[in-house]
């Protein structure tokens, strides 16, 4: 079963839901702002994505600008930032077994379908 990390307020995230639904894909939705990832889940997700925390950070968000912009942060610091402020996580992210992809654009999910 696939899981989409989803923020309903994000147009790209809504596009991913529509993309999957239009193709008849069965998937679960995890509203990660209401049900944030644990540290273990985040670390696992980064491994499945094959990306560093820096590559999944949304640096245009006010939380980033207010608390972290201009600071030199280690990978561990960036992971802590993502845990403290889940809104900083790129979205949407589709997870299938032990693989994941940032679905921007929605067509990026094709490799997991």
PDB file of N, CA and C in Angstrom:
ATOM      1  N   UNK A   1       0.847  -1.188   0.000  1.00  0.00           N
ATOM      2  CA  UNK A   1       0.000   0.000   0.000  1.00  0.00           C
ATOM      3  C   UNK A   1       0.883   1.239   0.000  1.00  0.00           C
ATOM      4  N   UNK A   2       0.493   2.207  -0.767  1.00  0.00           N
ATOM      5  CA  UNK A   2       1.215   3.471  -0.852  1.00  0.00           C
ATOM      6  C   UNK A   2       0.621   4.483   0.125  1.00  0.00           C
ATOM      7  N   UNK A   3       1.476   5.380   0.583  1.00  0.00           N
ATOM      8  CA  UNK A   3       1.046   6.451   1.476  1.00  0.00           C
ATOM      9  C   UNK A   3       1.528   7.775   0.908  1.00  0.00           C
ATOM     10  N   UNK A   4       0.634   8.741   0.905  1.00  0.00           N
ATOM     11  CA  UNK A   4       0.975  10.088   0.450  1.00  0.00           C
ATOM     12  C   UNK A   4       1.031  11.002   1.668  1.00  0.00           C
ATOM     13  N   UNK A   5       2.204  11.596   1.895  1.00  0.00           N
ATOM     14  CA  UNK A   5       2.327  12.627   2.920  1.00  0.00           C
ATOM     15  C   UNK A   5       1.730  13.886   2.311  1.00  0.00           C
ATOM     16  N   UNK A   6       0.659  14.373   2.912  1.00  0.00           N
ATOM     17  CA  UNK A   6      -0.206  15.348   2.263  1.00  0.00           C
ATOM     18  C   UNK A   6      -0.517  16.524   3.175  1.00  0.00           C
ATOM     19  N   UNK A   7      -0.549  17.704   2.561  1.00  0.00           N
ATOM     20  CA  UNK A   7      -1.022  18.927   3.202  1.00  0.00           C
ATOM     21  C   UNK A   7      -2.116  19.469   2.295  1.00  0.00           C
ATOM     22  N   UNK A   8      -3.345  19.408   2.750  1.00  0.00           N
ATOM     23  CA  UNK A   8      -4.479  19.791   1.910  1.00  0.00           C
ATOM     24  C   UNK A   8      -4.476  21.264   1.520  1.00  0.00           C
ATOM     25  N   UNK A   9      -3.696  22.082   2.209  1.00  0.00           N
ATOM     26  CA  UNK A   9      -3.631  23.507   1.873  1.00  0.00           C
ATOM     27  C   UNK A   9      -2.653  23.782   0.735  1.00  0.00           C
ATOM     28  N   UNK A  10      -1.920  22.766   0.317  1.00  0.00           N
ATOM     29  CA  UNK A  10      -0.897  22.920  -0.720  1.00  0.00           C
ATOM     30  C   UNK A  10      -1.462  22.474  -2.071  1.00  0.00           C
ATOM     31  N   UNK A  11      -1.386  23.338  -3.059  1.00  0.00           N
ATOM     32  CA  UNK A  11      -1.934  23.005  -4.381  1.00  0.00           C
ATOM     33  C   UNK A  11      -1.184  21.830  -5.018  1.00  0.00           C
ATOM     34  N   UNK A  12       0.125  21.752  -4.844  1.00  0.00           N
ATOM     35  CA  UNK A  12       0.891  20.632  -5.411  1.00  0.00           C
ATOM     36  C   UNK A  12       0.485  19.319  -4.754  1.00  0.00           C
ATOM     37  N   UNK A  13       0.188  19.368  -3.482  1.00  0.00           N
ATOM     38  CA  UNK A  13      -0.236  18.182  -2.763  1.00  0.00           C
ATOM     39  C   UNK A  13      -1.629  17.745  -3.244  1.00  0.00           C
ATOM     40  N   UNK A  14      -2.512  18.696  -3.430  1.00  0.00           N
ATOM     41  CA  UNK A  14      -3.850  18.367  -3.958  1.00  0.00           C
ATOM     42  C   UNK A  14      -3.744  17.808  -5.368  1.00  0.00           C
ATOM     43  N   UNK A  15      -2.807  18.346  -6.172  1.00  0.00           N
ATOM     44  CA  UNK A  15      -2.588  17.822  -7.530  1.00  0.00           C
ATOM     45  C   UNK A  15      -2.146  16.359  -7.474  1.00  0.00           C
ATOM     46  N   UNK A  16      -1.299  16.024  -6.506  1.00  0.00           N
ATOM     47  CA  UNK A  16      -0.829  14.634  -6.374  1.00  0.00           C
ATOM     48  C   UNK A  16      -1.983  13.709  -6.041  1.00  0.00           C
ATOM     49  N   UNK A  17      -2.877  14.137  -5.143  1.00  0.00           N
ATOM     50  CA  UNK A  17      -4.048  13.325  -4.800  1.00  0.00           C
ATOM     51  C   UNK A  17      -4.888  13.088  -6.045  1.00  0.00           C
ATOM     52  N   UNK A  18      -5.154  14.149  -6.791  1.00  0.00           N
ATOM     53  CA  UNK A  18      -5.959  14.022  -8.014  1.00  0.00           C
ATOM     54  C   UNK A  18      -5.274  13.114  -9.028  1.00  0.00           C
ATOM     55  N   UNK A  19      -3.978  13.262  -9.178  1.00  0.00           N
ATOM     56  CA  UNK A  19      -3.201  12.445 -10.114  1.00  0.00           C
ATOM     57  C   UNK A  19      -3.368  10.963  -9.787  1.00  0.00           C
ATOM     58  N   UNK A  20      -3.233  10.627  -8.518  1.00  0.00           N
ATOM     59  CA  UNK A  20      -3.374   9.227  -8.100  1.00  0.00           C
ATOM     60  C   UNK A  20      -4.815   8.746  -8.275  1.00  0.00           C
ATOM     61  N   UNK A  21      -5.771   9.557  -7.858  1.00  0.00           N
ATOM     62  CA  UNK A  21      -7.181   9.178  -7.990  1.00  0.00           C
ATOM     63  C   UNK A  21      -7.582   8.995  -9.446  1.00  0.00           C
ATOM     64  N   UNK A  22      -7.126   9.869 -10.327  1.00  0.00           N
ATOM     65  CA  UNK A  22      -7.451   9.770 -11.752  1.00  0.00           C
ATOM     66  C   UNK A  22      -6.935   8.476 -12.365  1.00  0.00           C
ATOM     67  N   UNK A  23      -5.896   7.918 -11.770  1.00  0.00           N
ATOM     68  CA  UNK A  23      -5.313   6.672 -12.271  1.00  0.00           C
ATOM     69  C   UNK A  23      -5.831   5.450 -11.523  1.00  0.00           C
ATOM     70  N   UNK A  24      -6.761   5.658 -10.615  1.00  0.00           N
ATOM     71  CA  UNK A  24      -7.351   4.547  -9.867  1.00  0.00           C
ATOM     72  C   UNK A  24      -6.406   3.909  -8.862  1.00  0.00           C
ATOM     73  N   UNK A  25      -5.393   4.639  -8.442  1.00  0.00           N
ATOM     74  CA  UNK A  25      -4.410   4.119  -7.493  1.00  0.00           C
ATOM     75  C   UNK A  25      -5.016   4.113  -6.087  1.00  0.00           C
ATOM     76  N   UNK A  26      -4.855   3.000  -5.405  1.00  0.00           N
ATOM     77  CA  UNK A  26      -5.295   2.894  -4.017  1.00  0.00           C
ATOM     78  C   UNK A  26      -4.136   3.349  -3.139  1.00  0.00           C
ATOM     79  N   UNK A  27      -4.399   4.308  -2.260  1.00  0.00           N
ATOM     80  CA  UNK A  27      -3.341   4.839  -1.407  1.00  0.00           C
ATOM     81  C   UNK A  27      -3.939   5.379  -0.123  1.00  0.00           C
ATOM     82  N   UNK A  28      -3.111   5.458   0.881  1.00  0.00           N
ATOM     83  CA  UNK A  28      -3.480   6.098   2.144  1.00  0.00           C
ATOM     84  C   UNK A  28      -2.971   7.527   2.122  1.00  0.00           C
ATOM     85  N   UNK A  29      -3.664   8.393   2.826  1.00  0.00           N
ATOM     86  CA  UNK A  29      -3.226   9.767   2.990  1.00  0.00           C
ATOM     87  C   UNK A  29      -2.807   9.952   4.447  1.00  0.00           C
ATOM     88  N   UNK A  30      -1.643  10.525   4.629  1.00  0.00           N
ATOM     89  CA  UNK A  30      -1.199  10.902   5.979  1.00  0.00           C
ATOM     90  C   UNK A  30      -1.048  12.407   6.006  1.00  0.00           C
ATOM     91  N   UNK A  31      -1.877  13.032   6.820  1.00  0.00           N
ATOM     92  CA  UNK A  31      -1.815  14.474   6.996  1.00  0.00           C
ATOM     93  C   UNK A  31      -0.684  14.751   7.983  1.00  0.00           C
ATOM     94  N   UNK A  32       0.506  14.927   7.448  1.00  0.00           N
ATOM     95  CA  UNK A  32       1.705  14.950   8.284  1.00  0.00           C
ATOM     96  C   UNK A  32       1.815  16.172   9.188  1.00  0.00           C
ATOM     97  N   UNK A  33       1.012  17.192   8.954  1.00  0.00           N
ATOM     98  CA  UNK A  33       1.028  18.329   9.876  1.00  0.00           C
ATOM     99  C   UNK A  33       0.247  17.981  11.150  1.00  0.00           C
ATOM    100  N   UNK A  34      -0.809  17.192  11.016  1.00  0.00           N
ATOM    101  CA  UNK A  34      -1.596  16.753  12.168  1.00  0.00           C
ATOM    102  C   UNK A  34      -1.011  15.491  12.789  1.00  0.00           C
ATOM    103  N   UNK A  35      -0.345  14.682  11.985  1.00  0.00           N
ATOM    104  CA  UNK A  35       0.251  13.410  12.421  1.00  0.00           C
ATOM    105  C   UNK A  35       1.720  13.416  11.982  1.00  0.00           C
ATOM    106  N   UNK A  36       2.551  14.199  12.675  1.00  0.00           N
ATOM    107  CA  UNK A  36       3.934  14.379  12.234  1.00  0.00           C
ATOM    108  C   UNK A  36       4.751  13.090  12.291  1.00  0.00           C
ATOM    109  N   UNK A  37       5.783  13.060  11.467  1.00  0.00           N
ATOM    110  CA  UNK A  37       6.696  11.927  11.459  1.00  0.00           C
ATOM    111  C   UNK A  37       7.515  11.906  12.746  1.00  0.00           C
ATOM    112  N   UNK A  38       7.774  10.712  13.237  1.00  0.00           N
ATOM    113  CA  UNK A  38       8.692  10.565  14.366  1.00  0.00           C
ATOM    114  C   UNK A  38      10.113  10.725  13.831  1.00  0.00           C
ATOM    115  N   UNK A  39      11.064  10.828  14.708  1.00  0.00           N
ATOM    116  CA  UNK A  39      12.454  10.938  14.266  1.00  0.00           C
ATOM    117  C   UNK A  39      12.861   9.710  13.468  1.00  0.00           C
ATOM    118  N   UNK A  40      12.476   8.526  13.941  1.00  0.00           N
ATOM    119  CA  UNK A  40      12.822   7.287  13.229  1.00  0.00           C
ATOM    120  C   UNK A  40      12.177   7.275  11.843  1.00  0.00           C
ATOM    121  N   UNK A  41      10.919   7.690  11.749  1.00  0.00           N
ATOM    122  CA  UNK A  41      10.229   7.725  10.457  1.00  0.00           C
ATOM    123  C   UNK A  41      10.896   8.716   9.512  1.00  0.00           C
ATOM    124  N   UNK A  42      11.271   9.878  10.019  1.00  0.00           N
ATOM    125  CA  UNK A  42      11.916  10.889   9.175  1.00  0.00           C
ATOM    126  C   UNK A  42      13.250  10.383   8.649  1.00  0.00           C
ATOM    127  N   UNK A  43      14.043   9.788   9.508  1.00  0.00           N
ATOM    128  CA  UNK A  43      15.338   9.263   9.075  1.00  0.00           C
ATOM    129  C   UNK A  43      15.157   8.153   8.038  1.00  0.00           C
ATOM    130  N   UNK A  44      14.174   7.301   8.265  1.00  0.00           N
ATOM    131  CA  UNK A  44      13.880   6.237   7.309  1.00  0.00           C
ATOM    132  C   UNK A  44      13.441   6.834   5.971  1.00  0.00           C
ATOM    133  N   UNK A  45      12.576   7.829   6.031  1.00  0.00           N
ATOM    134  CA  UNK A  45      12.093   8.496   4.821  1.00  0.00           C
ATOM    135  C   UNK A  45      13.238   9.114   4.036  1.00  0.00           C
ATOM    136  N   UNK A  46      14.149   9.784   4.708  1.00  0.00           N
ATOM    137  CA  UNK A  46      15.294  10.388   4.014  1.00  0.00           C
ATOM    138  C   UNK A  46      16.101   9.315   3.291  1.00  0.00           C
ATOM    139  N   UNK A  47      16.267   8.155   3.925  1.00  0.00           N
ATOM    140  CA  UNK A  47      16.967   7.050   3.282  1.00  0.00           C
ATOM    141  C   UNK A  47      16.232   6.550   2.049  1.00  0.00           C
ATOM    142  N   UNK A  48      14.921   6.415   2.162  1.00  0.00           N
ATOM    143  CA  UNK A  48      14.127   5.957   1.017  1.00  0.00           C
ATOM    144  C   UNK A  48      14.155   6.956  -0.122  1.00  0.00           C
ATOM    145  N   UNK A  49      14.182   8.234   0.216  1.00  0.00           N
ATOM    146  CA  UNK A  49      14.261   9.277  -0.803  1.00  0.00           C
ATOM    147  C   UNK A  49      15.656   9.383  -1.397  1.00  0.00           C
ATOM    148  N   UNK A  50      16.652   8.964  -0.621  1.00  0.00           N
ATOM    149  CA  UNK A  50      18.037   9.120  -1.046  1.00  0.00           C
ATOM    150  C   UNK A  50      18.464  10.577  -1.009  1.00  0.00           C
ATOM    151  N   UNK A  51      17.892  11.333  -0.077  1.00  0.00           N
ATOM    152  CA  UNK A  51      18.160  12.770   0.018  1.00  0.00           C
ATOM    153  C   UNK A  51      18.599  13.144   1.427  1.00  0.00           C
ATOM    154  N   UNK A  52      19.352  14.221   1.510  1.00  0.00           N
ATOM    155  CA  UNK A  52      19.709  14.774   2.817  1.00  0.00           C
ATOM    156  C   UNK A  52      18.539  15.609   3.323  1.00  0.00           C
ATOM    157  N   UNK A  53      18.572  15.930   4.599  1.00  0.00           N
ATOM    158  CA  UNK A  53      17.536  16.793   5.177  1.00  0.00           C
ATOM    159  C   UNK A  53      17.506  18.131   4.453  1.00  0.00           C
ATOM    160  N   UNK A  54      18.667  18.640   4.067  1.00  0.00           N
ATOM    161  CA  UNK A  54      18.738  19.923   3.371  1.00  0.00           C
ATOM    162  C   UNK A  54      17.908  19.916   2.089  1.00  0.00           C
ATOM    163  N   UNK A  55      17.871  18.786   1.395  1.00  0.00           N
ATOM    164  CA  UNK A  55      17.170  18.707   0.109  1.00  0.00           C
ATOM    165  C   UNK A  55      15.656  18.637   0.254  1.00  0.00           C
ATOM    166  N   UNK A  56      15.154  18.364   1.463  1.00  0.00           N
ATOM    167  CA  UNK A  56      13.698  18.288   1.654  1.00  0.00           C
ATOM    168  C   UNK A  56      13.172  19.447   2.499  1.00  0.00           C
ATOM    169  N   UNK A  57      14.029  20.389   2.804  1.00  0.00           N
ATOM    170  CA  UNK A  57      13.621  21.561   3.580  1.00  0.00           C
ATOM    171  C   UNK A  57      12.992  22.617   2.679  1.00  0.00           C
ATOM    172  N   UNK A  58      11.884  23.165   3.146  1.00  0.00           N
ATOM    173  CA  UNK A  58      11.222  24.279   2.462  1.00  0.00           C
ATOM    174  C   UNK A  58      11.752  25.568   3.093  1.00  0.00           C
ATOM    175  N   UNK A  59      12.730  26.149   2.453  1.00  0.00           N
ATOM    176  CA  UNK A  59      13.425  27.300   3.037  1.00  0.00           C
ATOM    177  C   UNK A  59      12.720  28.628   2.803  1.00  0.00           C
ATOM    178  N   UNK A  60      11.609  28.610   2.105  1.00  0.00           N
ATOM    179  CA  UNK A  60      10.836  29.837   1.920  1.00  0.00           C
ATOM    180  C   UNK A  60       9.735  29.994   2.974  1.00  0.00           C
ATOM    181  N   UNK A  61       9.585  28.990   3.822  1.00  0.00           N
ATOM    182  CA  UNK A  61       8.552  29.048   4.864  1.00  0.00           C
ATOM    183  C   UNK A  61       8.963  30.034   5.960  1.00  0.00           C
ATOM    184  N   UNK A  62       7.995  30.739   6.533  1.00  0.00           N
ATOM    185  CA  UNK A  62       8.304  31.679   7.619  1.00  0.00           C
ATOM    186  C   UNK A  62       9.044  31.026   8.789  1.00  0.00           C
ATOM    187  N   UNK A  63       8.711  29.773   9.096  1.00  0.00           N
ATOM    188  CA  UNK A  63       9.380  29.080  10.206  1.00  0.00           C
ATOM    189  C   UNK A  63      10.875  28.955   9.956  1.00  0.00           C
ATOM    190  N   UNK A  64      11.257  28.709   8.705  1.00  0.00           N
ATOM    191  CA  UNK A  64      12.676  28.619   8.370  1.00  0.00           C
ATOM    192  C   UNK A  64      13.320  29.996   8.487  1.00  0.00           C
ATOM    193  N   UNK A  65      12.685  30.965   7.871  1.00  0.00           N
ATOM    194  CA  UNK A  65      13.246  32.316   7.870  1.00  0.00           C
ATOM    195  C   UNK A  65      13.361  32.882   9.280  1.00  0.00           C
ATOM    196  N   UNK A  66      12.365  32.618  10.107  1.00  0.00           N
ATOM    197  CA  UNK A  66      12.353  33.164  11.466  1.00  0.00           C
ATOM    198  C   UNK A  66      13.361  32.501  12.402  1.00  0.00           C
ATOM    199  N   UNK A  67      13.609  31.210  12.214  1.00  0.00           N
ATOM    200  CA  UNK A  67      14.402  30.467  13.189  1.00  0.00           C
ATOM    201  C   UNK A  67      15.762  29.975  12.695  1.00  0.00           C
ATOM    202  N   UNK A  68      15.932  29.843  11.371  1.00  0.00           N
ATOM    203  CA  UNK A  68      17.134  29.162  10.895  1.00  0.00           C
ATOM    204  C   UNK A  68      17.903  29.874   9.795  1.00  0.00           C
ATOM    205  N   UNK A  69      17.259  30.769   9.085  1.00  0.00           N
ATOM    206  CA  UNK A  69      17.897  31.432   7.953  1.00  0.00           C
ATOM    207  C   UNK A  69      19.191  32.124   8.383  1.00  0.00           C
ATOM    208  N   UNK A  70      20.234  31.929   7.596  1.00  0.00           N
ATOM    209  CA  UNK A  70      21.515  32.554   7.858  1.00  0.00           C
ATOM    210  C   UNK A  70      22.386  31.805   8.844  1.00  0.00           C
ATOM    211  N   UNK A  71      21.861  30.732   9.424  1.00  0.00           N
ATOM    212  CA  UNK A  71      22.634  29.939  10.382  1.00  0.00           C
ATOM    213  C   UNK A  71      23.281  28.762   9.670  1.00  0.00           C
ATOM    214  N   UNK A  72      24.439  28.372  10.144  1.00  0.00           N
ATOM    215  CA  UNK A  72      25.100  27.176   9.628  1.00  0.00           C
ATOM    216  C   UNK A  72      24.591  26.002  10.451  1.00  0.00           C
ATOM    217  N   UNK A  73      23.888  25.083   9.781  1.00  0.00           N
ATOM    218  CA  UNK A  73      23.271  23.952  10.471  1.00  0.00           C
ATOM    219  C   UNK A  73      23.852  22.637   9.973  1.00  0.00           C
ATOM    220  N   UNK A  74      24.060  21.734  10.878  1.00  0.00           N
ATOM    221  CA  UNK A  74      24.490  20.384  10.525  1.00  0.00           C
ATOM    222  C   UNK A  74      23.279  19.590  10.032  1.00  0.00           C
ATOM    223  N   UNK A  75      23.524  18.430   9.488  1.00  0.00           N
ATOM    224  CA  UNK A  75      22.439  17.534   9.079  1.00  0.00           C
ATOM    225  C   UNK A  75      21.533  17.239  10.275  1.00  0.00           C
ATOM    226  N   UNK A  76      22.128  17.000  11.421  1.00  0.00           N
ATOM    227  CA  UNK A  76      21.336  16.722  12.628  1.00  0.00           C
ATOM    228  C   UNK A  76      20.465  17.915  13.002  1.00  0.00           C
ATOM    229  N   UNK A  77      21.002  19.114  12.885  1.00  0.00           N
ATOM    230  CA  UNK A  77      20.227  20.317  13.179  1.00  0.00           C
ATOM    231  C   UNK A  77      19.048  20.447  12.219  1.00  0.00           C
ATOM    232  N   UNK A  78      19.271  20.112  10.965  1.00  0.00           N
ATOM    233  CA  UNK A  78      18.194  20.199   9.967  1.00  0.00           C
ATOM    234  C   UNK A  78      17.122  19.160  10.231  1.00  0.00           C
ATOM    235  N   UNK A  79      17.520  17.978  10.667  1.00  0.00           N
ATOM    236  CA  UNK A  79      16.542  16.946  11.030  1.00  0.00           C
ATOM    237  C   UNK A  79      15.718  17.429  12.224  1.00  0.00           C
ATOM    238  N   UNK A  80      16.368  18.023  13.202  1.00  0.00           N
ATOM    239  CA  UNK A  80      15.656  18.562  14.364  1.00  0.00           C
ATOM    240  C   UNK A  80      14.680  19.659  13.941  1.00  0.00           C
ATOM    241  N   UNK A  81      15.088  20.491  12.987  1.00  0.00           N
ATOM    242  CA  UNK A  81      14.203  21.547  12.485  1.00  0.00           C
ATOM    243  C   UNK A  81      12.961  20.941  11.832  1.00  0.00           C
ATOM    244  N   UNK A  82      13.149  19.895  11.033  1.00  0.00           N
ATOM    245  CA  UNK A  82      12.017  19.228  10.383  1.00  0.00           C
ATOM    246  C   UNK A  82      11.085  18.597  11.406  1.00  0.00           C
ATOM    247  N   UNK A  83      11.646  18.064  12.473  1.00  0.00           N
ATOM    248  CA  UNK A  83      10.822  17.463  13.524  1.00  0.00           C
ATOM    249  C   UNK A  83      10.063  18.532  14.307  1.00  0.00           C
ATOM    250  N   UNK A  84      10.711  19.644  14.576  1.00  0.00           N
ATOM    251  CA  UNK A  84      10.083  20.719  15.332  1.00  0.00           C
ATOM    252  C   UNK A  84       9.032  21.457  14.510  1.00  0.00           C
ATOM    253  N   UNK A  85       9.301  21.605  13.218  1.00  0.00           N
ATOM    254  CA  UNK A  85       8.409  22.339  12.318  1.00  0.00           C
ATOM    255  C   UNK A  85       8.092  21.466  11.100  1.00  0.00           C
ATOM    256  N   UNK A  86       7.138  20.546  11.220  1.00  0.00           N
ATOM    257  CA  UNK A  86       6.825  19.637  10.104  1.00  0.00           C
ATOM    258  C   UNK A  86       6.470  20.354   8.805  1.00  0.00           C
ATOM    259  N   UNK A  87       6.003  21.585   8.905  1.00  0.00           N
ATOM    260  CA  UNK A  87       5.642  22.358   7.705  1.00  0.00           C
ATOM    261  C   UNK A  87       6.843  22.580   6.792  1.00  0.00           C
ATOM    262  N   UNK A  88       8.055  22.432   7.333  1.00  0.00           N
ATOM    263  CA  UNK A  88       9.266  22.628   6.544  1.00  0.00           C
ATOM    264  C   UNK A  88       9.548  21.474   5.585  1.00  0.00           C
ATOM    265  N   UNK A  89       8.853  20.362   5.735  1.00  0.00           N
ATOM    266  CA  UNK A  89       9.078  19.196   4.882  1.00  0.00           C
ATOM    267  C   UNK A  89       8.466  19.414   3.504  1.00  0.00           C
ATOM    268  N   UNK A  90       9.254  19.153   2.461  1.00  0.00           N
ATOM    269  CA  UNK A  90       8.723  19.223   1.090  1.00  0.00           C
ATOM    270  C   UNK A  90       7.493  18.338   0.990  1.00  0.00           C
ATOM    271  N   UNK A  91       6.587  18.718   0.155  1.00  0.00           N
ATOM    272  CA  UNK A  91       5.360  17.964  -0.032  1.00  0.00           C
ATOM    273  C   UNK A  91       4.914  18.077  -1.466  1.00  0.00           C
ATOM    274  N   UNK A  92       4.144  17.151  -1.894  1.00  0.00           N
ATOM    275  CA  UNK A  92       3.774  15.880  -1.269  1.00  0.00           C
ATOM    276  C   UNK A  92       4.898  14.860  -1.444  1.00  0.00           C
ATOM    277  N   UNK A  93       4.855  13.822  -0.653  1.00  0.00           N
ATOM    278  CA  UNK A  93       5.811  12.718  -0.771  1.00  0.00           C
ATOM    279  C   UNK A  93       5.015  11.427  -0.839  1.00  0.00           C
ATOM    280  N   UNK A  94       5.285  10.656  -1.880  1.00  0.00           N
ATOM    281  CA  UNK A  94       4.650   9.351  -2.031  1.00  0.00           C
ATOM    282  C   UNK A  94       5.618   8.277  -1.561  1.00  0.00           C
ATOM    283  N   UNK A  95       5.115   7.380  -0.721  1.00  0.00           N
ATOM    284  CA  UNK A  95       5.925   6.287  -0.169  1.00  0.00           C
ATOM    285  C   UNK A  95       5.313   4.970  -0.615  1.00  0.00           C
ATOM    286  N   UNK A  96       6.169   4.091  -1.108  1.00  0.00           N
ATOM    287  CA  UNK A  96       5.742   2.737  -1.487  1.00  0.00           C
ATOM    288  C   UNK A  96       6.834   1.778  -1.038  1.00  0.00           C
ATOM    289  N   UNK A  97       6.477   0.946  -0.097  1.00  0.00           N
ATOM    290  CA  UNK A  97       7.421   0.005   0.524  1.00  0.00           C
ATOM    291  C   UNK A  97       8.623   0.767   1.046  1.00  0.00           C
ATOM    292  N   UNK A  98       9.784   0.518   0.544  1.00  0.00           N
ATOM    293  CA  UNK A  98      10.976   1.192   1.053  1.00  0.00           C
ATOM    294  C   UNK A  98      11.548   2.172   0.024  1.00  0.00           C
ATOM    295  N   UNK A  99      10.635   2.773  -0.733  1.00  0.00           N
ATOM    296  CA  UNK A  99      11.007   3.799  -1.706  1.00  0.00           C
ATOM    297  C   UNK A  99      10.070   4.984  -1.529  1.00  0.00           C
ATOM    298  N   UNK A 100      10.563   6.146  -1.888  1.00  0.00           N
ATOM    299  CA  UNK A 100       9.742   7.357  -1.774  1.00  0.00           C
ATOM    300  C   UNK A 100      10.199   8.366  -2.818  1.00  0.00           C
ATOM    301  N   UNK A 101       9.288   9.288  -3.126  1.00  0.00           N
ATOM    302  CA  UNK A 101       9.598  10.333  -4.097  1.00  0.00           C
ATOM    303  C   UNK A 101       8.845  11.603  -3.715  1.00  0.00           C
ATOM    304  N   UNK A 102       9.522  12.730  -3.868  1.00  0.00           N
ATOM    305  CA  UNK A 102       8.851  14.023  -3.730  1.00  0.00           C
ATOM    306  C   UNK A 102       8.067  14.215  -5.022  1.00  0.00           C
ATOM    307  N   UNK A 103       6.766  14.345  -4.899  1.00  0.00           N
ATOM    308  CA  UNK A 103       5.874  14.374  -6.061  1.00  0.00           C
ATOM    309  C   UNK A 103       5.657  15.788  -6.576  1.00  0.00           C
ATOM    310  N   UNK A 104       6.736  16.440  -6.925  1.00  0.00           N
ATOM    311  CA  UNK A 104       6.707  17.771  -7.516  1.00  0.00           C
ATOM    312  C   UNK A 104       7.540  17.719  -8.777  1.00  0.00           C
ATOM    313  N   UNK A 105       6.944  17.615  -9.906  1.00  0.00           N
ATOM    314  CA  UNK A 105       5.523  17.593 -10.228  1.00  0.00           C
ATOM    315  C   UNK A 105       4.919  16.214  -9.951  1.00  0.00           C
ATOM    316  N   UNK A 106       3.615  16.129 -10.080  1.00  0.00           N
ATOM    317  CA  UNK A 106       2.898  14.883  -9.804  1.00  0.00           C
ATOM    318  C   UNK A 106       3.438  13.727 -10.662  1.00  0.00           C
ATOM    319  N   UNK A 107       3.866  14.029 -11.855  1.00  0.00           N
ATOM    320  CA  UNK A 107       4.371  12.986 -12.757  1.00  0.00           C
ATOM    321  C   UNK A 107       5.610  12.282 -12.173  1.00  0.00           C
ATOM    322  N   UNK A 108       6.257  12.894 -11.210  1.00  0.00           N
ATOM    323  CA  UNK A 108       7.431  12.278 -10.579  1.00  0.00           C
ATOM    324  C   UNK A 108       7.066  10.977  -9.863  1.00  0.00           C
ATOM    325  N   UNK A 109       5.787  10.759  -9.617  1.00  0.00           N
ATOM    326  CA  UNK A 109       5.331   9.537  -8.935  1.00  0.00           C
ATOM    327  C   UNK A 109       5.299   8.327  -9.859  1.00  0.00           C
ATOM    328  N   UNK A 110       5.355   8.539 -11.150  1.00  0.00           N
ATOM    329  CA  UNK A 110       5.205   7.446 -12.111  1.00  0.00           C
ATOM    330  C   UNK A 110       6.122   6.262 -11.824  1.00  0.00           C
ATOM    331  N   UNK A 111       7.346   6.534 -11.400  1.00  0.00           N
ATOM    332  CA  UNK A 111       8.291   5.464 -11.126  1.00  0.00           C
ATOM    333  C   UNK A 111       7.879   4.533  -9.994  1.00  0.00           C
ATOM    334  N   UNK A 112       6.983   4.997  -9.120  1.00  0.00           N
ATOM    335  CA  UNK A 112       6.506   4.157  -8.009  1.00  0.00           C
ATOM    336  C   UNK A 112       5.169   3.500  -8.305  1.00  0.00           C
ATOM    337  N   UNK A 113       4.505   3.934  -9.361  1.00  0.00           N
ATOM    338  CA  UNK A 113       3.164   3.397  -9.645  1.00  0.00           C
ATOM    339  C   UNK A 113       3.206   2.089 -10.342  1.00  0.00           C
TER     340      UNK A 113
END
